[in-house]
Amino acid sequence: MQLRRGDVLDGAMSILDEYGLGDLTMRRLATSLGVQPGALYWHFPNKQTLLGAMADKILEDVDAIPASHLDGTPTDWSERVVELAHRLRSAMLAHRDAAELVAATYASRMTNSRVRESFASAAAMSGISREHAELASYSLLYYVLGHTVDEQSHTQMIVAGALTRGTIAPDAPASSLAEYDEDLRDGDPAVRFDFGLNLFVDGIRARLKDRTPHS
């Protein structure tokens, strides 16, 4: 049976979910598909382009218009920003090491920019300048990526039994905040995520308020 591009992509996603990003190699992928490694390069010239396609697949529905808004009902900009951020986080949490993969492909410019552009459009709805909306989109994108990378890494370490000491290194300088660190790490990551997301939205509101002429 002829190997199709979709077969290669599906096989790569299966390896990612079962073994993680570190064990996703072209050789392992070829073996799982029952072909020689060279057969993969008809569809993906190198591993970087494969990872880019995987990132696109993971993110493909993040920027979709919600069914509730298809009737043309206006959407509040803050609701759209929050919704997009949650969609991005959820899409990455659905696959093992997906946040690390997506972050790497953004850094290498191997994935599309639809999600970031959606963030920019949502931010622009608030009334801030297009330039600041673009900058805000980068800030929000990398907030979600960074938070989810940390969240997934922490989960994998727990599963692997690799957390052999507290979250603060024993030789770290004493800190009045250190006692809170473990509680925060052991708490619900969604709570921490929402807190940071709300700070982001509040920051845009504050910028809009500051530029409003005083009576």
Protein backbone atom coordinates (compact mmCIF):
# COMPACT_ATOMS: atom_id res chain seq x y z
CA MET A 1 0.00 0.00 0.00
CA GLN A 2 1.31 3.44 -0.94
CA LEU A 3 2.47 5.56 1.98
CA ARG A 4 0.56 8.81 2.18
CA ARG A 5 1.52 12.06 3.86
CA GLY A 6 -1.36 11.67 6.30
CA ASP A 7 -0.11 8.22 7.27
CA VAL A 8 3.30 9.66 8.16
CA LEU A 9 1.74 12.48 10.17
CA ASP A 10 -0.61 10.14 12.03
CA GLY A 11 2.26 7.78 12.79
CA ALA A 12 4.35 10.65 14.15
CA MET A 13 1.49 11.81 16.37
CA SER A 14 1.10 8.28 17.74
CA ILE A 15 4.79 8.11 18.66
CA LEU A 16 4.60 11.54 20.27
CA ASP A 17 1.67 10.50 22.43
CA GLU A 18 3.17 7.15 23.44
CA TYR A 19 6.87 7.91 23.81
CA GLY A 20 7.27 11.71 23.86
CA LEU A 21 9.11 14.21 21.72
CA GLY A 22 12.58 13.00 22.71
CA ASP A 23 11.92 9.55 21.22
CA LEU A 24 10.36 10.78 18.01
CA THR A 25 12.99 9.96 15.38
CA MET A 26 12.63 9.40 11.66
CA ARG A 27 14.03 5.89 12.08
CA ARG A 28 11.52 4.97 14.77
CA LEU A 29 8.73 6.47 12.67
CA ALA A 30 9.78 4.54 9.57
CA THR A 31 9.93 1.29 11.56
CA SER A 32 6.46 1.86 12.98
CA LEU A 33 5.11 2.37 9.47
CA GLY A 34 6.98 -0.63 8.05
CA VAL A 35 9.01 1.38 5.53
CA GLN A 36 12.59 2.47 5.02
CA PRO A 37 13.48 5.93 6.42
CA GLY A 38 14.01 7.24 2.89
CA ALA A 39 10.31 6.74 2.14
CA LEU A 40 9.43 9.43 4.67
CA TYR A 41 11.43 12.07 2.84
CA TRP A 42 9.07 11.97 -0.15
CA HIS A 43 6.55 13.66 2.14
CA PHE A 44 8.77 15.58 4.57
CA PRO A 45 12.26 16.65 3.44
CA ASN A 46 13.53 16.71 7.03
CA LYS A 47 12.41 16.27 10.62
CA GLN A 48 11.87 20.01 11.08
CA THR A 49 9.17 20.12 8.40
CA LEU A 50 7.52 17.07 9.97
CA LEU A 51 7.46 18.78 13.36
CA GLY A 52 5.99 21.88 11.73
CA ALA A 53 3.20 19.81 10.20
CA MET A 54 2.57 18.17 13.56
CA ALA A 55 2.30 21.59 15.21
CA ASP A 56 -0.16 22.72 12.53
CA LYS A 57 -2.24 19.59 13.19
CA ILE A 58 -2.25 20.17 16.94
CA LEU A 59 -3.34 23.80 16.47
CA GLU A 60 -5.69 23.37 13.52
CA ASP A 61 -8.93 24.14 15.40
CA VAL A 62 -7.66 26.70 17.91
CA ASP A 63 -8.62 29.73 15.83
CA ALA A 64 -11.99 28.39 14.65
CA ILE A 65 -14.97 30.69 15.10
CA PRO A 66 -17.19 29.42 17.96
CA ALA A 67 -20.52 28.04 16.80
CA SER A 68 -22.30 30.47 19.13
CA HIS A 69 -20.81 33.40 17.20
CA LEU A 70 -21.54 32.23 13.67
CA ASP A 71 -24.81 34.19 13.70
CA GLY A 72 -22.84 37.43 13.66
CA THR A 73 -23.34 38.29 17.33
CA PRO A 74 -20.49 40.62 18.39
CA THR A 75 -17.92 39.08 20.70
CA ASP A 76 -16.34 41.00 23.56
CA TRP A 77 -12.61 41.27 22.95
CA SER A 78 -11.67 39.99 26.41
CA GLU A 79 -13.90 36.94 26.03
CA ARG A 80 -12.27 36.17 22.69
CA VAL A 81 -8.76 36.55 24.10
CA VAL A 82 -9.54 34.25 27.03
CA GLU A 83 -11.28 31.72 24.80
CA LEU A 84 -8.34 31.56 22.37
CA ALA A 85 -5.84 31.18 25.19
CA HIS A 86 -7.82 28.31 26.71
CA ARG A 87 -8.20 26.65 23.32
CA LEU A 88 -4.46 26.83 22.74
CA ARG A 89 -3.66 25.37 26.14
CA SER A 90 -6.23 22.59 25.75
CA ALA A 91 -5.00 21.68 22.25
CA MET A 92 -1.46 21.24 23.55
CA LEU A 93 -2.49 19.38 26.69
CA ALA A 94 -4.24 16.84 24.46
CA HIS A 95 -0.87 15.50 23.27
CA ARG A 96 2.24 14.54 25.20
CA ASP A 97 5.03 17.13 24.96
CA ALA A 98 2.91 19.14 22.52
CA ALA A 99 3.72 22.49 24.12
CA GLU A 100 7.45 21.84 23.78
CA LEU A 101 6.95 20.81 20.15
CA VAL A 102 4.82 23.84 19.30
CA ALA A 103 7.22 26.22 21.06
CA ALA A 104 10.15 24.79 19.09
CA THR A 105 8.34 25.12 15.77
CA TYR A 106 7.38 28.71 16.52
CA ALA A 107 11.00 29.48 17.31
CA SER A 108 12.13 27.90 14.02
CA ARG A 109 9.25 29.48 12.05
CA MET A 110 8.13 26.02 10.90
CA THR A 111 4.47 26.39 11.84
CA ASN A 112 1.81 28.78 10.60
CA SER A 113 0.97 31.99 12.45
CA ARG A 114 -2.82 31.68 12.50
CA VAL A 115 -3.08 31.42 16.29
CA ARG A 116 -0.89 34.46 16.90
CA GLU A 117 -2.81 36.41 14.26
CA SER A 118 -6.07 35.46 16.01
CA PHE A 119 -4.64 36.77 19.29
CA ALA A 120 -3.70 40.02 17.53
CA SER A 121 -7.15 40.41 16.01
CA ALA A 122 -8.83 39.79 19.36
CA ALA A 123 -6.56 42.30 21.12
CA ALA A 124 -7.21 44.89 18.39
CA MET A 125 -10.95 44.59 19.10
CA SER A 126 -10.26 46.32 22.42
CA GLY A 127 -9.27 49.52 20.66
CA ILE A 128 -5.51 49.48 21.27
CA SER A 129 -3.31 50.29 18.30
CA ARG A 130 -2.53 47.60 15.76
CA GLU A 131 1.14 47.77 16.70
CA HIS A 132 0.36 47.14 20.36
CA ALA A 133 -2.13 44.41 19.42
CA GLU A 134 0.66 42.63 17.53
CA LEU A 135 3.01 42.96 20.49
CA ALA A 136 0.27 41.76 22.83
CA SER A 137 -0.27 38.71 20.64
CA TYR A 138 3.36 37.68 21.05
CA SER A 139 3.19 38.21 24.81
CA LEU A 140 0.04 36.12 25.13
CA LEU A 141 1.29 33.39 22.81
CA TYR A 142 4.48 32.89 24.75
CA TYR A 143 2.68 33.10 28.09
CA VAL A 144 0.45 30.19 27.07
CA LEU A 145 3.36 28.24 25.58
CA GLY A 146 5.60 28.76 28.60
CA HIS A 147 2.92 27.90 31.12
CA THR A 148 1.91 24.74 29.26
CA VAL A 149 5.50 23.59 28.70
CA ASP A 150 6.08 23.84 32.45
CA GLU A 151 2.76 22.15 33.20
CA GLN A 152 3.46 19.20 30.90
CA SER A 153 7.06 18.84 32.05
CA HIS A 154 5.96 18.75 35.68
CA THR A 155 3.32 16.12 34.90
CA GLN A 156 5.80 13.92 33.03
CA MET A 157 8.28 14.13 35.89
CA ILE A 158 5.60 13.03 38.34
CA VAL A 159 4.63 10.10 36.09
CA ALA A 160 8.27 9.09 35.74
CA GLY A 161 8.90 9.39 39.47
CA ALA A 162 11.64 11.91 38.77
CA LEU A 163 10.63 14.49 41.38
CA THR A 164 13.06 13.42 44.06
CA ARG A 165 13.27 16.72 45.92
CA GLY A 166 11.21 19.80 46.61
CA THR A 167 10.52 22.42 44.01
CA ILE A 168 13.08 24.74 45.64
CA ALA A 169 16.66 23.44 45.51
CA PRO A 170 18.03 22.60 49.00
CA ASP A 171 20.99 24.90 48.48
CA ALA A 172 18.89 27.84 47.26
CA PRO A 173 19.06 31.05 49.35
CA ALA A 174 16.35 31.38 51.97
CA SER A 175 13.34 33.29 50.67
CA SER A 176 10.14 34.50 52.29
CA LEU A 177 8.33 33.28 49.16
CA ALA A 178 9.84 29.79 49.14
CA GLU A 179 7.23 28.38 51.50
CA TYR A 180 4.51 29.20 48.98
CA ASP A 181 6.23 27.62 46.00
CA GLU A 182 5.34 24.02 46.77
CA ASP A 183 1.70 24.85 47.42
CA LEU A 184 1.47 26.70 44.13
CA ARG A 185 3.10 23.86 42.21
CA ASP A 186 0.84 21.27 43.82
CA GLY A 187 -2.29 23.32 43.19
CA ASP A 188 -4.54 23.31 40.15
CA PRO A 189 -2.51 24.56 37.14
CA ALA A 190 -5.71 25.89 35.59
CA VAL A 191 -6.03 28.31 38.51
CA ARG A 192 -2.50 29.63 37.95
CA PHE A 193 -3.16 29.85 34.22
CA ASP A 194 -6.38 31.83 34.66
CA PHE A 195 -4.73 34.21 37.13
CA GLY A 196 -1.99 35.10 34.64
CA LEU A 197 -4.49 35.35 31.81
CA ASN A 198 -6.66 37.74 33.80
CA LEU A 199 -3.59 39.86 34.59
CA PHE A 200 -2.94 40.08 30.86
CA VAL A 201 -6.50 41.21 30.10
CA ASP A 202 -6.42 43.69 32.99
CA GLY A 203 -3.19 45.10 31.57
CA ILE A 204 -4.87 45.88 28.25
CA ARG A 205 -7.79 47.49 30.07
CA ALA A 206 -5.38 49.61 32.12
CA ARG A 207 -3.59 50.75 28.96
CA LEU A 208 -6.91 51.76 27.42
CA LYS A 209 -7.92 53.64 30.60
CA ASP A 210 -4.61 55.49 30.75
CA ARG A 211 -5.08 56.91 27.28
CA THR A 212 -8.67 58.01 27.90
CA PRO A 213 -8.84 61.84 28.16
CA HIS A 214 -9.65 63.02 31.66
CA SER A 215 -12.62 65.30 32.04
